C-alpha cells in the first residue's frame, strides 16, 4: 500500500519547489529618473523657465537642486509634482 504525505507537508514541498523554479522579480526601493527635458550635465545658453523630470513611479519632491554655470545653486523657483513628473 502506498502512503501519501499529509496535506501541510505536501503544500510546504510544493511552495519550496515553486520558489526555486520561478524567477526572482526585481524590486526597486526608490523611484528612478527615466527622462529629463535637459540631460544631466548639459550646458544650456539660457536658463529655461521650466524643467520636467519624469520618474519610474509617483514621487513627492522634497528638494530639487539646480546648479548654475558658475557652480552655485539656483535658489529661484519651487518644485511641484504630478504623478511621475516633477
C-alpha atoms as a PDB file:
ATOM      1  CA  UNK A   1       0.000   0.000   0.000  1.00  0.00           C
ATOM      2  CA  UNK A   2       1.312   3.436  -0.944  1.00  0.00           C
ATOM      3  CA  UNK A   3       1.493   6.165   1.705  1.00  0.00           C
ATOM      4  CA  UNK A   4       0.784   9.824   0.907  1.00  0.00           C
ATOM      5  CA  UNK A   5       2.216  12.879   2.594  1.00  0.00           C
ATOM      6  CA  UNK A   6      -0.030  14.873   4.913  1.00  0.00           C
ATOM      7  CA  UNK A   7      -1.539  17.972   3.264  1.00  0.00           C
ATOM      8  CA  UNK A   8       0.542  20.586   5.187  1.00  0.00           C
ATOM      9  CA  UNK A   9       3.779  18.793   4.287  1.00  0.00           C
ATOM     10  CA  UNK A  10       2.710  18.456   0.648  1.00  0.00           C
ATOM     11  CA  UNK A  11       1.944  22.184   0.469  1.00  0.00           C
ATOM     12  CA  UNK A  12       5.320  23.002   2.008  1.00  0.00           C
ATOM     13  CA  UNK A  13       7.165  20.999  -0.664  1.00  0.00           C
ATOM     14  CA  UNK A  14       5.024  22.483  -3.432  1.00  0.00           C
ATOM     15  CA  UNK A  15       5.821  26.031  -2.276  1.00  0.00           C
ATOM     16  CA  UNK A  16       9.511  25.151  -1.881  1.00  0.00           C
ATOM     17  CA  UNK A  17       9.759  23.761  -5.424  1.00  0.00           C
ATOM     18  CA  UNK A  18       7.813  26.720  -6.880  1.00  0.00           C
ATOM     19  CA  UNK A  19      10.078  29.248  -5.145  1.00  0.00           C
ATOM     20  CA  UNK A  20      13.171  27.582  -6.604  1.00  0.00           C
ATOM     21  CA  UNK A  21      11.799  27.245 -10.129  1.00  0.00           C
ATOM     22  CA  UNK A  22      10.111  30.640 -10.520  1.00  0.00           C
ATOM     23  CA  UNK A  23      12.381  33.540 -11.480  1.00  0.00           C
ATOM     24  CA  UNK A  24      13.013  36.246  -8.930  1.00  0.00           C
ATOM     25  CA  UNK A  25      11.361  39.596  -9.597  1.00  0.00           C
ATOM     26  CA  UNK A  26      13.445  42.732  -9.102  1.00  0.00           C
ATOM     27  CA  UNK A  27      12.007  45.179  -6.578  1.00  0.00           C
ATOM     28  CA  UNK A  28      13.207  48.773  -6.760  1.00  0.00           C
ATOM     29  CA  UNK A  29      13.154  50.591  -3.451  1.00  0.00           C
ATOM     30  CA  UNK A  30      13.322  54.057  -4.989  1.00  0.00           C
ATOM     31  CA  UNK A  31      11.980  55.913  -7.984  1.00  0.00           C
ATOM     32  CA  UNK A  32      14.411  56.099 -10.890  1.00  0.00           C
ATOM     33  CA  UNK A  33      14.761  59.126 -13.172  1.00  0.00           C
ATOM     34  CA  UNK A  34      13.621  57.940 -16.611  1.00  0.00           C
ATOM     35  CA  UNK A  35      13.594  61.179 -18.591  1.00  0.00           C
ATOM     36  CA  UNK A  36      14.532  64.846 -18.242  1.00  0.00           C
ATOM     37  CA  UNK A  37      13.965  67.825 -20.532  1.00  0.00           C
ATOM     38  CA  UNK A  38      17.653  68.646 -20.175  1.00  0.00           C
ATOM     39  CA  UNK A  39      20.113  65.739 -19.827  1.00  0.00           C
ATOM     40  CA  UNK A  40      22.330  65.523 -16.744  1.00  0.00           C
ATOM     41  CA  UNK A  41      25.497  67.564 -17.180  1.00  0.00           C
ATOM     42  CA  UNK A  42      24.102  69.556 -20.111  1.00  0.00           C
ATOM     43  CA  UNK A  43      25.046  73.208 -20.522  1.00  0.00           C
ATOM     44  CA  UNK A  44      22.333  75.466 -21.950  1.00  0.00           C
ATOM     45  CA  UNK A  45      22.876  79.026 -23.231  1.00  0.00           C
ATOM     46  CA  UNK A  46      19.841  80.418 -21.378  1.00  0.00           C
ATOM     47  CA  UNK A  47      18.106  79.348 -18.194  1.00  0.00           C
ATOM     48  CA  UNK A  48      14.870  77.501 -19.003  1.00  0.00           C
ATOM     49  CA  UNK A  49      11.635  78.741 -17.445  1.00  0.00           C
ATOM     50  CA  UNK A  50      10.614  75.171 -16.622  1.00  0.00           C
ATOM     51  CA  UNK A  51      12.229  71.729 -16.405  1.00  0.00           C
ATOM     52  CA  UNK A  52      10.283  68.450 -16.317  1.00  0.00           C
ATOM     53  CA  UNK A  53      11.721  65.310 -14.713  1.00  0.00           C
ATOM     54  CA  UNK A  54       9.890  62.000 -15.269  1.00  0.00           C
ATOM     55  CA  UNK A  55      10.416  59.159 -12.786  1.00  0.00           C
ATOM     56  CA  UNK A  56       9.597  55.442 -12.810  1.00  0.00           C
ATOM     57  CA  UNK A  57       6.877  55.937 -10.184  1.00  0.00           C
ATOM     58  CA  UNK A  58       4.993  58.729  -8.437  1.00  0.00           C
ATOM     59  CA  UNK A  59       7.205  60.957  -6.316  1.00  0.00           C
ATOM     60  CA  UNK A  60       6.866  63.718  -3.777  1.00  0.00           C
ATOM     61  CA  UNK A  61       9.680  66.224  -4.241  1.00  0.00           C
ATOM     62  CA  UNK A  62      11.474  67.111  -1.052  1.00  0.00           C
ATOM     63  CA  UNK A  63      14.201  69.104  -2.761  1.00  0.00           C
ATOM     64  CA  UNK A  64      15.357  69.690  -6.294  1.00  0.00           C
ATOM     65  CA  UNK A  65      18.763  71.331  -6.738  1.00  0.00           C
ATOM     66  CA  UNK A  66      19.672  73.224  -9.870  1.00  0.00           C
ATOM     67  CA  UNK A  67      23.300  74.241 -10.251  1.00  0.00           C
ATOM     68  CA  UNK A  68      24.147  77.243 -12.423  1.00  0.00           C
ATOM     69  CA  UNK A  69      27.159  77.535 -14.770  1.00  0.00           C
ATOM     70  CA  UNK A  70      29.098  79.274 -12.014  1.00  0.00           C
ATOM     71  CA  UNK A  71      28.724  76.174  -9.818  1.00  0.00           C
ATOM     72  CA  UNK A  72      26.319  77.866  -7.421  1.00  0.00           C
ATOM     73  CA  UNK A  73      22.878  76.545  -6.585  1.00  0.00           C
ATOM     74  CA  UNK A  74      19.979  78.460  -8.160  1.00  0.00           C
ATOM     75  CA  UNK A  75      17.607  79.497  -5.375  1.00  0.00           C
ATOM     76  CA  UNK A  76      14.650  80.596  -7.507  1.00  0.00           C
ATOM     77  CA  UNK A  77      11.554  78.532  -8.181  1.00  0.00           C
ATOM     78  CA  UNK A  78       9.741  75.768  -6.378  1.00  0.00           C
ATOM     79  CA  UNK A  79       9.293  72.113  -7.322  1.00  0.00           C
ATOM     80  CA  UNK A  80       5.826  70.642  -7.776  1.00  0.00           C
ATOM     81  CA  UNK A  81       4.825  67.072  -8.607  1.00  0.00           C
ATOM     82  CA  UNK A  82       2.023  65.453 -10.590  1.00  0.00           C
ATOM     83  CA  UNK A  83       2.237  61.682 -10.527  1.00  0.00           C
ATOM     84  CA  UNK A  84       5.555  60.634 -12.054  1.00  0.00           C
ATOM     85  CA  UNK A  85       6.528  64.160 -13.155  1.00  0.00           C
ATOM     86  CA  UNK A  86       8.297  66.859 -11.154  1.00  0.00           C
END
